[in-house]
Amino acid sequence: RPHPPAEAMHTFTGFSTGHYDGDNLVVETTHM
């Protein structure tokens, strides 16, 4: 799923998406 637009609500935990690169979980977090 896409990250929300820049003006969307920010939270302390943010919005995170992830994928696996081999055995490693790669996470991108925005909106903190």
mmCIF file of all heavy atoms, coordinates in Angstrom:
data_MODEL
# 
_entry.id   MODEL 
# 
loop_
_atom_site.group_PDB 
_atom_site.id 
_atom_site.type_symbol 
_atom_site.label_atom_id 
_atom_site.label_alt_id 
_atom_site.label_comp_id 
_atom_site.label_asym_id 
_atom_site.label_entity_id 
_atom_site.label_seq_id 
_atom_site.pdbx_PDB_ins_code 
_atom_site.Cartn_x 
_atom_site.Cartn_y 
_atom_site.Cartn_z 
_atom_site.occupancy 
_atom_site.B_iso_or_equiv 
_atom_site.pdbx_formal_charge 
_atom_site.auth_seq_id 
_atom_site.auth_comp_id 
_atom_site.auth_asym_id 
_atom_site.auth_atom_id 
_atom_site.pdbx_PDB_model_num 
ATOM 1   N N   . ARG A 1 1  ? 0.836  -1.203  0.000  1.00 0.00 ? 1  ARG A N   1 
ATOM 2   C CA  . ARG A 1 1  ? 0.000  0.000   0.000  1.00 0.00 ? 1  ARG A CA  1 
ATOM 3   C C   . ARG A 1 1  ? 0.871  1.254   0.000  1.00 0.00 ? 1  ARG A C   1 
ATOM 4   O O   . ARG A 1 1  ? 1.974  1.241   0.551  1.00 0.00 ? 1  ARG A O   1 
ATOM 5   C CB  . ARG A 1 1  ? -0.968 0.008   1.173  1.00 0.00 ? 1  ARG A CB  1 
ATOM 6   C CG  . ARG A 1 1  ? -0.329 0.144   2.517  1.00 0.00 ? 1  ARG A CG  1 
ATOM 7   C CD  . ARG A 1 1  ? -1.330 0.084   3.640  1.00 0.00 ? 1  ARG A CD  1 
ATOM 8   N NE  . ARG A 1 1  ? -1.960 -1.226  3.665  1.00 0.00 ? 1  ARG A NE  1 
ATOM 9   C CZ  . ARG A 1 1  ? -3.028 -1.521  4.360  1.00 0.00 ? 1  ARG A CZ  1 
ATOM 10  N NH1 . ARG A 1 1  ? -3.605 -0.610  5.119  1.00 0.00 ? 1  ARG A NH1 1 
ATOM 11  N NH2 . ARG A 1 1  ? -3.537 -2.729  4.329  1.00 0.00 ? 1  ARG A NH2 1 
ATOM 12  N N   . PRO A 1 2  ? 0.399  2.345   -0.600 1.00 0.00 ? 2  PRO A N   1 
ATOM 13  C CA  . PRO A 1 2  ? 1.186  3.579   -0.639 1.00 0.00 ? 2  PRO A CA  1 
ATOM 14  C C   . PRO A 1 2  ? 1.143  4.307   0.707  1.00 0.00 ? 2  PRO A C   1 
ATOM 15  O O   . PRO A 1 2  ? 0.219  4.116   1.495  1.00 0.00 ? 2  PRO A O   1 
ATOM 16  C CB  . PRO A 1 2  ? 0.489  4.408   -1.719 1.00 0.00 ? 2  PRO A CB  1 
ATOM 17  C CG  . PRO A 1 2  ? -0.921 3.926   -1.696 1.00 0.00 ? 2  PRO A CG  1 
ATOM 18  C CD  . PRO A 1 2  ? -0.855 2.459   -1.347 1.00 0.00 ? 2  PRO A CD  1 
ATOM 19  N N   . HIS A 1 3  ? 2.149  5.138   0.929  1.00 0.00 ? 3  HIS A N   1 
ATOM 20  C CA  . HIS A 1 3  ? 2.154  5.974   2.130  1.00 0.00 ? 3  HIS A CA  1 
ATOM 21  C C   . HIS A 1 3  ? 1.138  7.091   1.945  1.00 0.00 ? 3  HIS A C   1 
ATOM 22  O O   . HIS A 1 3  ? 0.870  7.519   0.819  1.00 0.00 ? 3  HIS A O   1 
ATOM 23  C CB  . HIS A 1 3  ? 3.553  6.559   2.361  1.00 0.00 ? 3  HIS A CB  1 
ATOM 24  C CG  . HIS A 1 3  ? 4.497  5.559   2.931  1.00 0.00 ? 3  HIS A CG  1 
ATOM 25  N ND1 . HIS A 1 3  ? 4.866  5.557   4.246  1.00 0.00 ? 3  HIS A ND1 1 
ATOM 26  C CD2 . HIS A 1 3  ? 5.131  4.507   2.370  1.00 0.00 ? 3  HIS A CD2 1 
ATOM 27  C CE1 . HIS A 1 3  ? 5.693  4.563   4.469  1.00 0.00 ? 3  HIS A CE1 1 
ATOM 28  N NE2 . HIS A 1 3  ? 5.876  3.911   3.343  1.00 0.00 ? 3  HIS A NE2 1 
ATOM 29  N N   . PRO A 1 4  ? 0.548  7.598   3.013  1.00 0.00 ? 4  PRO A N   1 
ATOM 30  C CA  . PRO A 1 4  ? -0.426 8.689   2.903  1.00 0.00 ? 4  PRO A CA  1 
ATOM 31  C C   . PRO A 1 4  ? 0.250  9.979   2.431  1.00 0.00 ? 4  PRO A C   1 
ATOM 32  O O   . PRO A 1 4  ? 1.477  10.101  2.481  1.00 0.00 ? 4  PRO A O   1 
ATOM 33  C CB  . PRO A 1 4  ? -0.973 8.838   4.321  1.00 0.00 ? 4  PRO A CB  1 
ATOM 34  C CG  . PRO A 1 4  ? -0.095 8.054   5.212  1.00 0.00 ? 4  PRO A CG  1 
ATOM 35  C CD  . PRO A 1 4  ? 0.717  7.141   4.393  1.00 0.00 ? 4  PRO A CD  1 
ATOM 36  N N   . PRO A 1 5  ? -0.533 10.957  1.987  1.00 0.00 ? 5  PRO A N   1 
ATOM 37  C CA  . PRO A 1 5  ? 0.040  12.233  1.559  1.00 0.00 ? 5  PRO A CA  1 
ATOM 38  C C   . PRO A 1 5  ? 0.707  12.961  2.727  1.00 0.00 ? 5  PRO A C   1 
ATOM 39  O O   . PRO A 1 5  ? 0.420  12.691  3.896  1.00 0.00 ? 5  PRO A O   1 
ATOM 40  C CB  . PRO A 1 5  ? -1.161 13.016  1.024  1.00 0.00 ? 5  PRO A CB  1 
ATOM 41  C CG  . PRO A 1 5  ? -2.357 12.356  1.592  1.00 0.00 ? 5  PRO A CG  1 
ATOM 42  C CD  . PRO A 1 5  ? -1.993 10.933  1.865  1.00 0.00 ? 5  PRO A CD  1 
ATOM 43  N N   . ALA A 1 6  ? 1.570  13.900  2.415  1.00 0.00 ? 6  ALA A N   1 
ATOM 44  C CA  . ALA A 1 6  ? 2.367  14.613  3.427  1.00 0.00 ? 6  ALA A CA  1 
ATOM 45  C C   . ALA A 1 6  ? 1.506  15.308  4.475  1.00 0.00 ? 6  ALA A C   1 
ATOM 46  O O   . ALA A 1 6  ? 1.896  15.404  5.637  1.00 0.00 ? 6  ALA A O   1 
ATOM 47  C CB  . ALA A 1 6  ? 3.284  15.615  2.747  1.00 0.00 ? 6  ALA A CB  1 
ATOM 48  N N   . GLU A 1 7  ? 0.331  15.795  4.099  1.00 0.00 ? 7  GLU A N   1 
ATOM 49  C CA  . GLU A 1 7  ? -0.512 16.529  5.056  1.00 0.00 ? 7  GLU A CA  1 
ATOM 50  C C   . GLU A 1 7  ? -1.382 15.615  5.922  1.00 0.00 ? 7  GLU A C   1 
ATOM 51  O O   . GLU A 1 7  ? -2.139 16.092  6.759  1.00 0.00 ? 7  GLU A O   1 
ATOM 52  C CB  . GLU A 1 7  ? -1.393 17.551  4.328  1.00 0.00 ? 7  GLU A CB  1 
ATOM 53  C CG  . GLU A 1 7  ? -2.381 16.955  3.351  1.00 0.00 ? 7  GLU A CG  1 
ATOM 54  C CD  . GLU A 1 7  ? -1.797 16.691  1.970  1.00 0.00 ? 7  GLU A CD  1 
ATOM 55  O OE1 . GLU A 1 7  ? -0.644 17.024  1.711  1.00 0.00 ? 7  GLU A OE1 1 
ATOM 56  O OE2 . GLU A 1 7  ? -2.525 16.129  1.151  1.00 0.00 ? 7  GLU A OE2 1 
ATOM 57  N N   . ALA A 1 8  ? -1.255 14.305  5.764  1.00 0.00 ? 8  ALA A N   1 
ATOM 58  C CA  . ALA A 1 8  ? -2.033 13.365  6.578  1.00 0.00 ? 8  ALA A CA  1 
ATOM 59  C C   . ALA A 1 8  ? -1.555 13.405  8.029  1.00 0.00 ? 8  ALA A C   1 
ATOM 60  O O   . ALA A 1 8  ? -0.454 13.869  8.328  1.00 0.00 ? 8  ALA A O   1 
ATOM 61  C CB  . ALA A 1 8  ? -1.896 11.958  6.025  1.00 0.00 ? 8  ALA A CB  1 
ATOM 62  N N   . MET A 1 9  ? -2.374 12.902  8.930  1.00 0.00 ? 9  MET A N   1 
ATOM 63  C CA  . MET A 1 9  ? -2.085 12.920  10.358 1.00 0.00 ? 9  MET A CA  1 
ATOM 64  C C   . MET A 1 9  ? -0.772 12.195  10.677 1.00 0.00 ? 9  MET A C   1 
ATOM 65  O O   . MET A 1 9  ? -0.495 11.128  10.144 1.00 0.00 ? 9  MET A O   1 
ATOM 66  C CB  . MET A 1 9  ? -3.225 12.247  11.115 1.00 0.00 ? 9  MET A CB  1 
ATOM 67  C CG  . MET A 1 9  ? -3.036 12.230  12.609 1.00 0.00 ? 9  MET A CG  1 
ATOM 68  S SD  . MET A 1 9  ? -4.410 11.486  13.497 1.00 0.00 ? 9  MET A SD  1 
ATOM 69  C CE  . MET A 1 9  ? -4.125 9.767   13.178 1.00 0.00 ? 9  MET A CE  1 
ATOM 70  N N   . HIS A 1 10 ? 0.041  12.799  11.545 1.00 0.00 ? 10 HIS A N   1 
ATOM 71  C CA  . HIS A 1 10 ? 1.268  12.192  12.027 1.00 0.00 ? 10 HIS A CA  1 
ATOM 72  C C   . HIS A 1 10 ? 0.994  11.596  13.410 1.00 0.00 ? 10 HIS A C   1 
ATOM 73  O O   . HIS A 1 10 ? 0.281  12.183  14.211 1.00 0.00 ? 10 HIS A O   1 
ATOM 74  C CB  . HIS A 1 10 ? 2.381  13.230  12.123 1.00 0.00 ? 10 HIS A CB  1 
ATOM 75  C CG  . HIS A 1 10 ? 2.935  13.647  10.804 1.00 0.00 ? 10 HIS A CG  1 
ATOM 76  N ND1 . HIS A 1 10 ? 2.158  14.016  9.731  1.00 0.00 ? 10 HIS A ND1 1 
ATOM 77  C CD2 . HIS A 1 10 ? 4.215  13.754  10.391 1.00 0.00 ? 10 HIS A CD2 1 
ATOM 78  C CE1 . HIS A 1 10 ? 2.932  14.333  8.718  1.00 0.00 ? 10 HIS A CE1 1 
ATOM 79  N NE2 . HIS A 1 10 ? 4.193  14.191  9.092  1.00 0.00 ? 10 HIS A NE2 1 
ATOM 80  N N   . THR A 1 11 ? 1.574  10.433  13.682 1.00 0.00 ? 11 THR A N   1 
ATOM 81  C CA  . THR A 1 11 ? 1.404  9.783   14.977 1.00 0.00 ? 11 THR A CA  1 
ATOM 82  C C   . THR A 1 11 ? 2.788  9.487   15.559 1.00 0.00 ? 11 THR A C   1 
ATOM 83  O O   . THR A 1 11 ? 3.807  9.626   14.874 1.00 0.00 ? 11 THR A O   1 
ATOM 84  C CB  . THR A 1 11 ? 0.630  8.461   14.839 1.00 0.00 ? 11 THR A CB  1 
ATOM 85  O OG1 . THR A 1 11 ? 1.393  7.565   14.027 1.00 0.00 ? 11 THR A OG1 1 
ATOM 86  C CG2 . THR A 1 11 ? -0.747 8.691   14.234 1.00 0.00 ? 11 THR A CG2 1 
ATOM 87  N N   . PHE A 1 12 ? 2.841  9.060   16.817 1.00 0.00 ? 12 PHE A N   1 
ATOM 88  C CA  . PHE A 1 12 ? 4.132  8.751   17.421 1.00 0.00 ? 12 PHE A CA  1 
ATOM 89  C C   . PHE A 1 12 ? 4.774  7.525   16.786 1.00 0.00 ? 12 PHE A C   1 
ATOM 90  O O   . PHE A 1 12 ? 5.985  7.431   16.696 1.00 0.00 ? 12 PHE A O   1 
ATOM 91  C CB  . PHE A 1 12 ? 3.997  8.560   18.932 1.00 0.00 ? 12 PHE A CB  1 
ATOM 92  C CG  . PHE A 1 12 ? 3.775  9.855   19.649 1.00 0.00 ? 12 PHE A CG  1 
ATOM 93  C CD1 . PHE A 1 12 ? 2.578  10.126  20.265 1.00 0.00 ? 12 PHE A CD1 1 
ATOM 94  C CD2 . PHE A 1 12 ? 4.773  10.819  19.687 1.00 0.00 ? 12 PHE A CD2 1 
ATOM 95  C CE1 . PHE A 1 12 ? 2.374  11.330  20.924 1.00 0.00 ? 12 PHE A CE1 1 
ATOM 96  C CE2 . PHE A 1 12 ? 4.578  12.018  20.333 1.00 0.00 ? 12 PHE A CE2 1 
ATOM 97  C CZ  . PHE A 1 12 ? 3.374  12.280  20.955 1.00 0.00 ? 12 PHE A CZ  1 
ATOM 98  N N   . THR A 1 13 ? 3.995  6.562   16.337 1.00 0.00 ? 13 THR A N   1 
ATOM 99  C CA  . THR A 1 13 ? 4.566  5.377   15.702 1.00 0.00 ? 13 THR A CA  1 
ATOM 100 C C   . THR A 1 13 ? 4.696  5.522   14.202 1.00 0.00 ? 13 THR A C   1 
ATOM 101 O O   . THR A 1 13 ? 5.352  4.713   13.571 1.00 0.00 ? 13 THR A O   1 
ATOM 102 C CB  . THR A 1 13 ? 3.723  4.130   16.017 1.00 0.00 ? 13 THR A CB  1 
ATOM 103 O OG1 . THR A 1 13 ? 2.375  4.368   15.654 1.00 0.00 ? 13 THR A OG1 1 
ATOM 104 C CG2 . THR A 1 13 ? 3.805  3.773   17.478 1.00 0.00 ? 13 THR A CG2 1 
ATOM 105 N N   . GLY A 1 14 ? 4.075  6.531   13.608 1.00 0.00 ? 14 GLY A N   1 
ATOM 106 C CA  . GLY A 1 14 ? 4.202  6.764   12.175 1.00 0.00 ? 14 GLY A CA  1 
ATOM 107 C C   . GLY A 1 14 ? 3.434  5.755   11.339 1.00 0.00 ? 14 GLY A C   1 
ATOM 108 O O   . GLY A 1 14 ? 2.619  4.979   11.833 1.00 0.00 ? 14 GLY A O   1 
ATOM 109 N N   . PHE A 1 15 ? 3.723  5.776   10.038 1.00 0.00 ? 15 PHE A N   1 
ATOM 110 C CA  . PHE A 1 15 ? 3.102  4.851   9.088  1.00 0.00 ? 15 PHE A CA  1 
ATOM 111 C C   . PHE A 1 15 ? 4.226  4.051   8.453  1.00 0.00 ? 15 PHE A C   1 
ATOM 112 O O   . PHE A 1 15 ? 5.149  4.619   7.862  1.00 0.00 ? 15 PHE A O   1 
ATOM 113 C CB  . PHE A 1 15 ? 2.320  5.623   8.021  1.00 0.00 ? 15 PHE A CB  1 
ATOM 114 C CG  . PHE A 1 15 ? 1.613  4.728   7.048  1.00 0.00 ? 15 PHE A CG  1 
ATOM 115 C CD1 . PHE A 1 15 ? 0.335  4.274   7.317  1.00 0.00 ? 15 PHE A CD1 1 
ATOM 116 C CD2 . PHE A 1 15 ? 2.228  4.325   5.874  1.00 0.00 ? 15 PHE A CD2 1 
ATOM 117 C CE1 . PHE A 1 15 ? -0.315 3.433   6.432  1.00 0.00 ? 15 PHE A CE1 1 
ATOM 118 C CE2 . PHE A 1 15 ? 1.578  3.494   4.982  1.00 0.00 ? 15 PHE A CE2 1 
ATOM 119 C CZ  . PHE A 1 15 ? 0.304  3.041   5.260  1.00 0.00 ? 15 PHE A CZ  1 
ATOM 120 N N   . SER A 1 16 ? 4.176  2.732   8.575  1.00 0.00 ? 16 SER A N   1 
ATOM 121 C CA  . SER A 1 16 ? 5.281  1.877   8.121  1.00 0.00 ? 16 SER A CA  1 
ATOM 122 C C   . SER A 1 16 ? 4.838  0.885   7.064  1.00 0.00 ? 16 SER A C   1 
ATOM 123 O O   . SER A 1 16 ? 3.786  0.264   7.182  1.00 0.00 ? 16 SER A O   1 
ATOM 124 C CB  . SER A 1 16 ? 5.867  1.100   9.300  1.00 0.00 ? 16 SER A CB  1 
ATOM 125 O OG  . SER A 1 16 ? 6.351  1.972   10.285 1.00 0.00 ? 16 SER A OG  1 
ATOM 126 N N   . THR A 1 17 ? 5.684  0.749   6.045  1.00 0.00 ? 17 THR A N   1 
ATOM 127 C CA  . THR A 1 17 ? 5.517  -0.308  5.056  1.00 0.00 ? 17 THR A CA  1 
ATOM 128 C C   . THR A 1 17 ? 6.815  -1.090  5.015  1.00 0.00 ? 17 THR A C   1 
ATOM 129 O O   . THR A 1 17 ? 7.883  -0.569  5.346  1.00 0.00 ? 17 THR A O   1 
ATOM 130 C CB  . THR A 1 17 ? 5.217  0.248   3.652  1.00 0.00 ? 17 THR A CB  1 
ATOM 131 O OG1 . THR A 1 17 ? 6.257  1.146   3.262  1.00 0.00 ? 17 THR A OG1 1 
ATOM 132 C CG2 . THR A 1 17 ? 3.874  0.962   3.616  1.00 0.00 ? 17 THR A CG2 1 
ATOM 133 N N   . GLY A 1 18 ? 6.733  -2.344  4.623  1.00 0.00 ? 18 GLY A N   1 
ATOM 134 C CA  . GLY A 1 18 ? 7.926  -3.171  4.619  1.00 0.00 ? 18 GLY A CA  1 
ATOM 135 C C   . GLY A 1 18 ? 7.948  -4.162  3.480  1.00 0.00 ? 18 GLY A C   1 
ATOM 136 O O   . GLY A 1 18 ? 6.944  -4.406  2.816  1.00 0.00 ? 18 GLY A O   1 
ATOM 137 N N   . HIS A 1 19 ? 9.136  -4.701  3.253  1.00 0.00 ? 19 HIS A N   1 
ATOM 138 C CA  . HIS A 1 19 ? 9.333  -5.778  2.293  1.00 0.00 ? 19 HIS A CA  1 
ATOM 139 C C   . HIS A 1 19 ? 10.560 -6.573  2.720  1.00 0.00 ? 19 HIS A C   1 
ATOM 140 O O   . HIS A 1 19 ? 11.365 -6.097  3.518  1.00 0.00 ? 19 HIS A O   1 
ATOM 141 C CB  . HIS A 1 19 ? 9.498  -5.240  0.863  1.00 0.00 ? 19 HIS A CB  1 
ATOM 142 C CG  . HIS A 1 19 ? 10.750 -4.462  0.658  1.00 0.00 ? 19 HIS A CG  1 
ATOM 143 N ND1 . HIS A 1 19 ? 10.856 -3.128  0.997  1.00 0.00 ? 19 HIS A ND1 1 
ATOM 144 C CD2 . HIS A 1 19 ? 11.967 -4.826  0.192  1.00 0.00 ? 19 HIS A CD2 1 
ATOM 145 C CE1 . HIS A 1 19 ? 12.071 -2.704  0.722  1.00 0.00 ? 19 HIS A CE1 1 
ATOM 146 N NE2 . HIS A 1 19 ? 12.775 -3.719  0.245  1.00 0.00 ? 19 HIS A NE2 1 
ATOM 147 N N   . TYR A 1 20 ? 10.672 -7.771  2.207  1.00 0.00 ? 20 TYR A N   1 
ATOM 148 C CA  . TYR A 1 20 ? 11.825 -8.602  2.523  1.00 0.00 ? 20 TYR A CA  1 
ATOM 149 C C   . TYR A 1 20 ? 12.876 -8.460  1.441  1.00 0.00 ? 20 TYR A C   1 
ATOM 150 O O   . TYR A 1 20 ? 12.576 -8.494  0.253  1.00 0.00 ? 20 TYR A O   1 
ATOM 151 C CB  . TYR A 1 20 ? 11.425 -10.073 2.664  1.00 0.00 ? 20 TYR A CB  1 
ATOM 152 C CG  . TYR A 1 20 ? 10.810 -10.356 4.005  1.00 0.00 ? 20 TYR A CG  1 
ATOM 153 C CD1 . TYR A 1 20 ? 9.436  -10.452 4.159  1.00 0.00 ? 20 TYR A CD1 1 
ATOM 154 C CD2 . TYR A 1 20 ? 11.612 -10.523 5.126  1.00 0.00 ? 20 TYR A CD2 1 
ATOM 155 C CE1 . TYR A 1 20 ? 8.875  -10.699 5.398  1.00 0.00 ? 20 TYR A CE1 1 
ATOM 156 C CE2 . TYR A 1 20 ? 11.062 -10.765 6.369  1.00 0.00 ? 20 TYR A CE2 1 
ATOM 157 C CZ  . TYR A 1 20 ? 9.698  -10.859 6.492  1.00 0.00 ? 20 TYR A CZ  1 
ATOM 158 O OH  . TYR A 1 20 ? 9.160  -11.092 7.722  1.00 0.00 ? 20 TYR A OH  1 
ATOM 159 N N   . ASP A 1 21 ? 14.127 -8.294  1.867  1.00 0.00 ? 21 ASP A N   1 
ATOM 160 C CA  . ASP A 1 21 ? 15.287 -8.307  0.987  1.00 0.00 ? 21 ASP A CA  1 
ATOM 161 C C   . ASP A 1 21 ? 16.103 -9.515  1.436  1.00 0.00 ? 21 ASP A C   1 
ATOM 162 O O   . ASP A 1 21 ? 16.871 -9.430  2.389  1.00 0.00 ? 21 ASP A O   1 
ATOM 163 C CB  . ASP A 1 21 ? 16.076 -7.002  1.147  1.00 0.00 ? 21 ASP A CB  1 
ATOM 164 C CG  . ASP A 1 21 ? 17.259 -6.921  0.203  1.00 0.00 ? 21 ASP A CG  1 
ATOM 165 O OD1 . ASP A 1 21 ? 17.371 -7.777  -0.690 1.00 0.00 ? 21 ASP A OD1 1 
ATOM 166 O OD2 . ASP A 1 21 ? 18.080 -6.002  0.381  1.00 0.00 ? 21 ASP A OD2 1 
ATOM 167 N N   . GLY A 1 22 ? 15.865 -10.637 0.805  1.00 0.00 ? 22 GLY A N   1 
ATOM 168 C CA  . GLY A 1 22 ? 16.438 -11.891 1.286  1.00 0.00 ? 22 GLY A CA  1 
ATOM 169 C C   . GLY A 1 22 ? 15.765 -12.270 2.590  1.00 0.00 ? 22 GLY A C   1 
ATOM 170 O O   . GLY A 1 22 ? 14.542 -12.358 2.667  1.00 0.00 ? 22 GLY A O   1 
ATOM 171 N N   . ASP A 1 23 ? 16.555 -12.436 3.640  1.00 0.00 ? 23 ASP A N   1 
ATOM 172 C CA  . ASP A 1 23 ? 16.013 -12.767 4.966  1.00 0.00 ? 23 ASP A CA  1 
ATOM 173 C C   . ASP A 1 23 ? 15.798 -11.533 5.833  1.00 0.00 ? 23 ASP A C   1 
ATOM 174 O O   . ASP A 1 23 ? 15.400 -11.655 6.983  1.00 0.00 ? 23 ASP A O   1 
ATOM 175 C CB  . ASP A 1 23 ? 16.961 -13.718 5.707  1.00 0.00 ? 23 ASP A CB  1 
ATOM 176 C CG  . ASP A 1 23 ? 16.970 -15.100 5.097  1.00 0.00 ? 23 ASP A CG  1 
ATOM 177 O OD1 . ASP A 1 23 ? 15.993 -15.463 4.420  1.00 0.00 ? 23 ASP A OD1 1 
ATOM 178 O OD2 . ASP A 1 23 ? 17.961 -15.828 5.309  1.00 0.00 ? 23 ASP A OD2 1 
ATOM 179 N N   . ASN A 1 24 ? 16.081 -10.344 5.306  1.00 0.00 ? 24 ASN A N   1 
ATOM 180 C CA  . ASN A 1 24 ? 15.988 -9.106  6.091  1.00 0.00 ? 24 ASN A CA  1 
ATOM 181 C C   . ASN A 1 24 ? 14.688 -8.376  5.821  1.00 0.00 ? 24 ASN A C   1 
ATOM 182 O O   . ASN A 1 24 ? 14.316 -8.176  4.662  1.00 0.00 ? 24 ASN A O   1 
ATOM 183 C CB  . ASN A 1 24 ? 17.154 -8.168  5.758  1.00 0.00 ? 24 ASN A CB  1 
ATOM 184 C CG  . ASN A 1 24 ? 18.487 -8.774  6.109  1.00 0.00 ? 24 ASN A CG  1 
ATOM 185 O OD1 . ASN A 1 24 ? 18.635 -9.348  7.178  1.00 0.00 ? 24 ASN A OD1 1 
ATOM 186 N ND2 . ASN A 1 24 ? 19.447 -8.667  5.225  1.00 0.00 ? 24 ASN A ND2 1 
ATOM 187 N N   . LEU A 1 25 ? 14.041 -7.957  6.878  1.00 0.00 ? 25 LEU A N   1 
ATOM 188 C CA  . LEU A 1 25 ? 12.842 -7.136  6.761  1.00 0.00 ? 25 LEU A CA  1 
ATOM 189 C C   . LEU A 1 25 ? 13.285 -5.678  6.661  1.00 0.00 ? 25 LEU A C   1 
ATOM 190 O O   . LEU A 1 25 ? 13.953 -5.161  7.545  1.00 0.00 ? 25 LEU A O   1 
ATOM 191 C CB  . LEU A 1 25 ? 11.937 -7.318  7.980  1.00 0.00 ? 25 LEU A CB  1 
ATOM 192 C CG  . LEU A 1 25 ? 10.690 -6.433  8.047  1.00 0.00 ? 25 LEU A CG  1 
ATOM 193 C CD1 . LEU A 1 25 ? 9.773  -6.679  6.856  1.00 0.00 ? 25 LEU A CD1 1 
ATOM 194 C CD2 . LEU A 1 25 ? 9.957  -6.659  9.353  1.00 0.00 ? 25 LEU A CD2 1 
ATOM 195 N N   . VAL A 1 26 ? 12.930 -5.020  5.562  1.00 0.00 ? 26 VAL A N   1 
ATOM 196 C CA  . VAL A 1 26 ? 13.268 -3.616  5.338  1.00 0.00 ? 26 VAL A CA  1 
ATOM 197 C C   . VAL A 1 26 ? 12.001 -2.802  5.557  1.00 0.00 ? 26 VAL A C   1 
ATOM 198 O O   . VAL A 1 26 ? 10.982 -3.055  4.917  1.00 0.00 ? 26 VAL A O   1 
ATOM 199 C CB  . VAL A 1 26 ? 13.811 -3.395  3.906  1.00 0.00 ? 26 VAL A CB  1 
ATOM 200 C CG1 . VAL A 1 26 ? 14.130 -1.934  3.672  1.00 0.00 ? 26 VAL A CG1 1 
ATOM 201 C CG2 . VAL A 1 26 ? 15.021 -4.268  3.659  1.00 0.00 ? 26 VAL A CG2 1 
ATOM 202 N N   . VAL A 1 27 ? 12.052 -1.829  6.480  1.00 0.00 ? 27 VAL A N   1 
ATOM 203 C CA  . VAL A 1 27 ? 10.872 -1.054  6.843  1.00 0.00 ? 27 VAL A CA  1 
ATOM 204 C C   . VAL A 1 27 ? 11.125 0.422   6.562  1.00 0.00 ? 27 VAL A C   1 
ATOM 205 O O   . VAL A 1 27 ? 12.171 0.956   6.921  1.00 0.00 ? 27 VAL A O   1 
ATOM 206 C CB  . VAL A 1 27 ? 10.524 -1.246  8.334  1.00 0.00 ? 27 VAL A CB  1 
ATOM 207 C CG1 . VAL A 1 27 ? 9.322  -0.394  8.725  1.00 0.00 ? 27 VAL A CG1 1 
ATOM 208 C CG2 . VAL A 1 27 ? 10.258 -2.709  8.630  1.00 0.00 ? 27 VAL A CG2 1 
ATOM 209 N N   . GLU A 1 28 ? 10.156 1.081   5.921  1.00 0.00 ? 28 GLU A N   1 
ATOM 210 C CA  . GLU A 1 28 ? 10.198 2.529   5.716  1.00 0.00 ? 28 GLU A CA  1 
ATOM 211 C C   . GLU A 1 28 ? 9.065  3.142   6.530  1.00 0.00 ? 28 GLU A C   1 
ATOM 212 O O   . GLU A 1 28 ? 7.905  2.765   6.362  1.00 0.00 ? 28 GLU A O   1 
ATOM 213 C CB  . GLU A 1 28 ? 10.034 2.886   4.254  1.00 0.00 ? 28 GLU A CB  1 
ATOM 214 C CG  . GLU A 1 28 ? 10.077 4.377   4.022  1.00 0.00 ? 28 GLU A CG  1 
ATOM 215 C CD  . GLU A 1 28 ? 9.822  4.779   2.584  1.00 0.00 ? 28 GLU A CD  1 
ATOM 216 O OE1 . GLU A 1 28 ? 9.768  3.915   1.707  1.00 0.00 ? 28 GLU A OE1 1 
ATOM 217 O OE2 . GLU A 1 28 ? 9.652  5.985   2.356  1.00 0.00 ? 28 GLU A OE2 1 
ATOM 218 N N   . THR A 1 29 ? 9.400  4.083   7.393  1.00 0.00 ? 29 THR A N   1 
ATOM 219 C CA  . THR A 1 29 ? 8.403  4.719   8.255  1.00 0.00 ? 29 THR A CA  1 
ATOM 220 C C   . THR A 1 29 ? 8.366  6.209   7.968  1.00 0.00 ? 29 THR A C   1 
ATOM 221 O O   . THR A 1 29 ? 9.398  6.867   7.939  1.00 0.00 ? 29 THR A O   1 
ATOM 222 C CB  . THR A 1 29 ? 8.728  4.480   9.744  1.00 0.00 ? 29 THR A CB  1 
ATOM 223 O OG1 . THR A 1 29 ? 8.786  3.068   9.978  1.00 0.00 ? 29 THR A OG1 1 
ATOM 224 C CG2 . THR A 1 29 ? 7.677  5.092   10.634 1.00 0.00 ? 29 THR A CG2 1 
ATOM 225 N N   . THR A 1 30 ? 7.171  6.731   7.753  1.00 0.00 ? 30 THR A N   1 
ATOM 226 C CA  . THR A 1 30 ? 6.951  8.160   7.560  1.00 0.00 ? 30 THR A CA  1 
ATOM 227 C C   . THR A 1 30 ? 5.860  8.600   8.523  1.00 0.00 ? 30 THR A C   1 
ATOM 228 O O   . THR A 1 30 ? 5.276  7.784   9.228  1.00 0.00 ? 30 THR A O   1 
ATOM 229 C CB  . THR A 1 30 ? 6.512  8.480   6.116  1.00 0.00 ? 30 THR A CB  1 
ATOM 230 O OG1 . THR A 1 30 ? 5.293  7.775   5.844  1.00 0.00 ? 30 THR A OG1 1 
ATOM 231 C CG2 . THR A 1 30 ? 7.567  8.067   5.108  1.00 0.00 ? 30 THR A CG2 1 
ATOM 232 N N   . HIS A 1 31 ? 5.567  9.877   8.564  1.00 0.00 ? 31 HIS A N   1 
ATOM 233 C CA  . HIS A 1 31 ? 4.461  10.438  9.341  1.00 0.00 ? 31 HIS A CA  1 
ATOM 234 C C   . HIS A 1 31 ? 4.616  10.256  10.856 1.00 0.00 ? 31 HIS A C   1 
ATOM 235 O O   . HIS A 1 31 ? 3.657  10.018  11.565 1.00 0.00 ? 31 HIS A O   1 
ATOM 236 C CB  . HIS A 1 31 ? 3.117  9.895   8.867  1.00 0.00 ? 31 HIS A CB  1 
ATOM 237 C CG  . HIS A 1 31 ? 2.789  10.305  7.476  1.00 0.00 ? 31 HIS A CG  1 
ATOM 238 N ND1 . HIS A 1 31 ? 3.348  9.696   6.381  1.00 0.00 ? 31 HIS A ND1 1 
ATOM 239 C CD2 . HIS A 1 31 ? 2.008  11.292  7.003  1.00 0.00 ? 31 HIS A CD2 1 
ATOM 240 C CE1 . HIS A 1 31 ? 2.908  10.274  5.286  1.00 0.00 ? 31 HIS A CE1 1 
ATOM 241 N NE2 . HIS A 1 31 ? 2.107  11.249  5.636  1.00 0.00 ? 31 HIS A NE2 1 
ATOM 242 N N   . MET A 1 32 ? 5.880  10.372  11.347 1.00 0.00 ? 32 MET A N   1 
ATOM 243 C CA  . MET A 1 32 ? 6.108  10.364  12.789 1.00 0.00 ? 32 MET A CA  1 
ATOM 244 C C   . MET A 1 32 ? 6.014  11.794  13.305 1.00 0.00 ? 32 MET A C   1 
ATOM 245 O O   . MET A 1 32 ? 6.342  12.736  12.604 1.00 0.00 ? 32 MET A O   1 
ATOM 246 C CB  . MET A 1 32 ? 7.503  9.832   13.124 1.00 0.00 ? 32 MET A CB  1 
ATOM 247 C CG  . MET A 1 32 ? 7.653  8.356   12.921 1.00 0.00 ? 32 MET A CG  1 
ATOM 248 S SD  . MET A 1 32 ? 9.228  7.731   13.548 1.00 0.00 ? 32 MET A SD  1 
ATOM 249 C CE  . MET A 1 32 ? 10.408 8.662   12.601 1.00 0.00 ? 32 MET A CE  1 
# 
